[in-house]
């Protein structure tokens, strides 16, 4: 299985943030020590998170990095979600 794309990784982080923690993007960023703009870019698939940022986010969401990566691998790719929006 190929590694997830940044779009998939960002979607997984957003899904976990919203469904498991209920934290706003601003609150999670503050708790994880990440600038809110950086987290926003990551969630939109426009940023490339470092392992340190992934670890910080995982700790604050009380999940393992491996759970984020597994969920990301199951998320639709950018092309699939773009096609679905047009249909």
N, C-alpha and C. Protein backbone atom coordinates (compact mmCIF):
# COMPACT_ATOMS: atom_id res chain seq x y z
N UNK A 1 0.84 -1.17 0.00
CA UNK A 1 0.00 0.00 0.00
C UNK A 1 0.89 1.24 0.00
N UNK A 2 0.63 2.17 -0.92
CA UNK A 2 1.44 3.39 -0.96
C UNK A 2 1.12 4.28 0.24
N UNK A 3 2.06 5.14 0.62
CA UNK A 3 1.79 6.04 1.74
C UNK A 3 0.67 7.01 1.37
N UNK A 4 -0.08 7.48 2.35
CA UNK A 4 -1.16 8.42 2.05
C UNK A 4 -0.63 9.75 1.54
N UNK A 5 -1.43 10.40 0.75
CA UNK A 5 -1.08 11.73 0.24
C UNK A 5 -1.31 12.77 1.35
N UNK A 6 -0.82 13.97 1.13
CA UNK A 6 -1.06 15.05 2.09
C UNK A 6 -2.55 15.35 2.22
N UNK A 7 -3.29 15.22 1.12
CA UNK A 7 -4.74 15.45 1.16
C UNK A 7 -5.41 14.41 2.06
N UNK A 8 -5.03 13.15 1.90
CA UNK A 8 -5.60 12.09 2.73
C UNK A 8 -5.21 12.27 4.19
N UNK A 9 -3.97 12.62 4.44
CA UNK A 9 -3.50 12.81 5.80
C UNK A 9 -4.25 13.96 6.47
N UNK A 10 -4.39 15.05 5.75
CA UNK A 10 -5.12 16.20 6.29
C UNK A 10 -6.57 15.88 6.58
N UNK A 11 -7.21 15.13 5.68
CA UNK A 11 -8.61 14.74 5.88
C UNK A 11 -8.75 13.85 7.11
N UNK A 12 -7.80 12.96 7.31
CA UNK A 12 -7.83 12.07 8.48
C UNK A 12 -7.67 12.88 9.77
N UNK A 13 -6.77 13.82 9.78
CA UNK A 13 -6.56 14.65 10.97
C UNK A 13 -7.83 15.44 11.27
N UNK A 14 -8.43 16.03 10.25
CA UNK A 14 -9.66 16.80 10.44
C UNK A 14 -10.77 15.91 11.00
N UNK A 15 -10.91 14.73 10.41
CA UNK A 15 -11.97 13.81 10.85
C UNK A 15 -11.77 13.42 12.31
N UNK A 16 -10.54 13.08 12.68
CA UNK A 16 -10.27 12.72 14.07
C UNK A 16 -10.49 13.90 15.00
N UNK A 17 -10.05 15.07 14.59
CA UNK A 17 -10.23 16.27 15.42
C UNK A 17 -11.70 16.52 15.69
N UNK A 18 -12.52 16.44 14.66
CA UNK A 18 -13.93 16.75 14.80
C UNK A 18 -14.71 15.64 15.50
N UNK A 19 -14.42 14.39 15.16
CA UNK A 19 -15.23 13.30 15.68
C UNK A 19 -14.80 12.81 17.06
N UNK A 20 -13.52 12.85 17.35
CA UNK A 20 -13.04 12.29 18.61
C UNK A 20 -12.80 13.32 19.68
N UNK A 21 -12.43 14.50 19.30
CA UNK A 21 -12.08 15.48 20.32
C UNK A 21 -13.08 16.62 20.40
N UNK A 22 -13.74 16.93 19.29
CA UNK A 22 -14.64 18.07 19.26
C UNK A 22 -13.92 19.39 19.39
N UNK A 23 -12.59 19.36 19.29
CA UNK A 23 -11.81 20.59 19.42
C UNK A 23 -11.90 21.43 18.16
N UNK A 24 -11.89 22.71 18.34
CA UNK A 24 -11.78 23.60 17.19
C UNK A 24 -10.36 23.50 16.65
N UNK A 25 -10.18 23.96 15.44
CA UNK A 25 -8.84 23.95 14.85
C UNK A 25 -7.91 24.84 15.67
N UNK A 26 -8.42 25.96 16.16
CA UNK A 26 -7.61 26.88 16.96
C UNK A 26 -7.17 26.23 18.27
N UNK A 27 -8.09 25.52 18.92
CA UNK A 27 -7.77 24.90 20.22
C UNK A 27 -6.77 23.76 20.05
N UNK A 28 -6.98 22.89 19.04
CA UNK A 28 -6.03 21.80 18.81
C UNK A 28 -4.65 22.35 18.49
N UNK A 29 -4.60 23.36 17.63
CA UNK A 29 -3.31 23.96 17.28
C UNK A 29 -2.61 24.49 18.52
N UNK A 30 -3.34 25.19 19.36
CA UNK A 30 -2.76 25.74 20.59
C UNK A 30 -2.26 24.63 21.50
N UNK A 31 -3.08 23.62 21.72
CA UNK A 31 -2.70 22.51 22.61
C UNK A 31 -1.49 21.74 22.08
N UNK A 32 -1.40 21.61 20.75
CA UNK A 32 -0.31 20.84 20.14
C UNK A 32 0.93 21.69 19.89
N UNK A 33 0.84 22.99 20.11
CA UNK A 33 1.99 23.86 19.90
C UNK A 33 2.28 24.11 18.43
N UNK A 34 1.21 24.14 17.64
CA UNK A 34 1.32 24.36 16.19
C UNK A 34 0.53 25.63 15.87
N UNK A 35 1.03 26.44 14.97
CA UNK A 35 0.27 27.63 14.58
C UNK A 35 -1.01 27.20 13.88
N UNK A 36 -2.10 27.92 14.14
CA UNK A 36 -3.40 27.53 13.56
C UNK A 36 -3.39 27.54 12.04
N UNK A 37 -2.62 28.45 11.45
CA UNK A 37 -2.52 28.49 10.00
C UNK A 37 -1.83 27.23 9.48
N UNK A 38 -0.82 26.77 10.18
CA UNK A 38 -0.12 25.54 9.80
C UNK A 38 -1.07 24.36 9.85
N UNK A 39 -1.84 24.25 10.93
CA UNK A 39 -2.80 23.15 11.05
C UNK A 39 -3.88 23.24 9.98
N UNK A 40 -4.33 24.43 9.69
CA UNK A 40 -5.33 24.62 8.63
C UNK A 40 -4.79 24.14 7.28
N UNK A 41 -3.56 24.51 6.97
CA UNK A 41 -2.94 24.07 5.72
C UNK A 41 -2.81 22.55 5.67
N UNK A 42 -2.43 21.95 6.79
CA UNK A 42 -2.30 20.49 6.85
C UNK A 42 -3.65 19.84 6.62
N UNK A 43 -4.68 20.31 7.32
CA UNK A 43 -6.01 19.71 7.18
C UNK A 43 -6.56 19.85 5.75
N UNK A 44 -6.18 20.89 5.06
CA UNK A 44 -6.64 21.08 3.68
C UNK A 44 -5.76 20.38 2.66
N UNK A 45 -4.73 19.68 3.13
CA UNK A 45 -3.85 18.95 2.24
C UNK A 45 -2.82 19.81 1.55
N UNK A 46 -2.66 21.03 2.03
CA UNK A 46 -1.72 21.96 1.41
C UNK A 46 -0.40 22.04 2.17
N UNK A 47 -0.36 21.44 3.36
CA UNK A 47 0.85 21.45 4.17
C UNK A 47 1.41 20.05 4.28
N UNK A 48 2.69 19.98 4.56
CA UNK A 48 3.38 18.70 4.71
C UNK A 48 3.86 18.60 6.15
N UNK A 49 3.09 17.90 7.02
CA UNK A 49 3.45 17.89 8.43
C UNK A 49 4.72 17.09 8.70
N UNK A 50 5.50 17.58 9.63
CA UNK A 50 6.67 16.83 10.07
C UNK A 50 6.21 15.72 11.01
N UNK A 51 7.11 14.78 11.28
CA UNK A 51 6.78 13.73 12.25
C UNK A 51 6.53 14.34 13.62
N UNK A 52 7.24 15.39 13.97
CA UNK A 52 7.06 16.05 15.26
C UNK A 52 5.66 16.66 15.37
N UNK A 53 5.19 17.29 14.31
CA UNK A 53 3.85 17.86 14.32
C UNK A 53 2.82 16.74 14.40
N UNK A 54 3.01 15.68 13.61
CA UNK A 54 2.08 14.54 13.69
C UNK A 54 2.03 13.97 15.10
N UNK A 55 3.19 13.83 15.72
CA UNK A 55 3.24 13.31 17.08
C UNK A 55 2.48 14.22 18.05
N UNK A 56 2.70 15.52 17.94
CA UNK A 56 2.02 16.47 18.82
C UNK A 56 0.51 16.43 18.63
N UNK A 57 0.07 16.37 17.39
CA UNK A 57 -1.37 16.29 17.13
C UNK A 57 -1.94 14.99 17.66
N UNK A 58 -1.24 13.90 17.43
CA UNK A 58 -1.70 12.59 17.90
C UNK A 58 -1.83 12.58 19.43
N UNK A 59 -0.84 13.12 20.12
CA UNK A 59 -0.89 13.17 21.59
C UNK A 59 -2.11 13.95 22.05
N UNK A 60 -2.34 15.10 21.46
CA UNK A 60 -3.47 15.94 21.88
C UNK A 60 -4.83 15.32 21.53
N UNK A 61 -4.88 14.51 20.47
CA UNK A 61 -6.14 13.86 20.09
C UNK A 61 -6.27 12.48 20.74
N UNK A 62 -5.24 12.07 21.51
CA UNK A 62 -5.21 10.79 22.20
C UNK A 62 -5.35 9.61 21.24
N UNK A 63 -4.59 9.69 20.15
CA UNK A 63 -4.51 8.60 19.17
C UNK A 63 -3.04 8.37 18.85
N UNK A 64 -2.74 7.25 18.25
CA UNK A 64 -1.38 6.99 17.80
C UNK A 64 -1.19 7.51 16.38
N UNK A 65 0.04 7.81 16.05
CA UNK A 65 0.35 8.24 14.68
C UNK A 65 -0.10 7.16 13.70
N UNK A 66 0.09 5.89 14.06
CA UNK A 66 -0.30 4.80 13.17
C UNK A 66 -1.81 4.82 12.89
N UNK A 67 -2.61 5.25 13.85
CA UNK A 67 -4.06 5.35 13.61
C UNK A 67 -4.36 6.46 12.61
N UNK A 68 -3.65 7.56 12.71
CA UNK A 68 -3.84 8.65 11.74
C UNK A 68 -3.48 8.16 10.34
N UNK A 69 -2.35 7.47 10.22
CA UNK A 69 -1.89 7.00 8.91
C UNK A 69 -2.85 5.95 8.34
N UNK A 70 -3.32 5.03 9.19
CA UNK A 70 -4.28 4.01 8.71
C UNK A 70 -5.56 4.65 8.20
N UNK A 71 -6.09 5.61 8.97
CA UNK A 71 -7.30 6.30 8.54
C UNK A 71 -7.05 7.08 7.25
N UNK A 72 -5.91 7.73 7.17
CA UNK A 72 -5.56 8.50 5.97
C UNK A 72 -5.53 7.61 4.73
N UNK A 73 -5.00 6.41 4.88
CA UNK A 73 -4.91 5.50 3.73
C UNK A 73 -6.29 5.10 3.21
N UNK A 74 -7.30 5.20 4.06
CA UNK A 74 -8.67 4.85 3.66
C UNK A 74 -9.46 6.06 3.14
N UNK A 75 -8.89 7.25 3.27
CA UNK A 75 -9.59 8.45 2.81
C UNK A 75 -9.49 8.56 1.29
N UNK A 76 -10.51 9.17 0.67
CA UNK A 76 -10.43 9.35 -0.79
C UNK A 76 -9.27 10.24 -1.18
N UNK A 77 -8.74 10.01 -2.36
CA UNK A 77 -7.67 10.86 -2.87
C UNK A 77 -8.29 12.15 -3.40
N UNK A 78 -7.46 13.12 -3.70
CA UNK A 78 -7.94 14.42 -4.19
C UNK A 78 -8.75 14.26 -5.46
N UNK A 79 -8.29 13.41 -6.36
CA UNK A 79 -9.01 13.22 -7.63
C UNK A 79 -10.38 12.61 -7.41
N UNK A 80 -10.49 11.65 -6.51
CA UNK A 80 -11.77 10.99 -6.25
C UNK A 80 -12.75 11.98 -5.63
N UNK A 81 -12.31 12.78 -4.68
CA UNK A 81 -13.23 13.72 -4.04
C UNK A 81 -13.61 14.84 -4.99
N UNK A 82 -12.70 15.27 -5.87
CA UNK A 82 -13.04 16.30 -6.84
C UNK A 82 -14.08 15.80 -7.81
N UNK A 83 -13.94 14.56 -8.26
CA UNK A 83 -14.91 13.98 -9.19
C UNK A 83 -16.27 13.82 -8.54
N UNK A 84 -16.27 13.42 -7.26
CA UNK A 84 -17.53 13.23 -6.56
C UNK A 84 -18.26 14.56 -6.40
N UNK A 85 -17.54 15.66 -6.20
CA UNK A 85 -18.18 16.95 -6.04
C UNK A 85 -18.82 17.42 -7.34
N UNK A 86 -18.22 17.04 -8.47
CA UNK A 86 -18.75 17.49 -9.76
C UNK A 86 -19.98 16.70 -10.18
N UNK A 87 -20.13 15.48 -9.68
CA UNK A 87 -21.22 14.59 -10.12
C UNK A 87 -22.56 15.02 -9.57
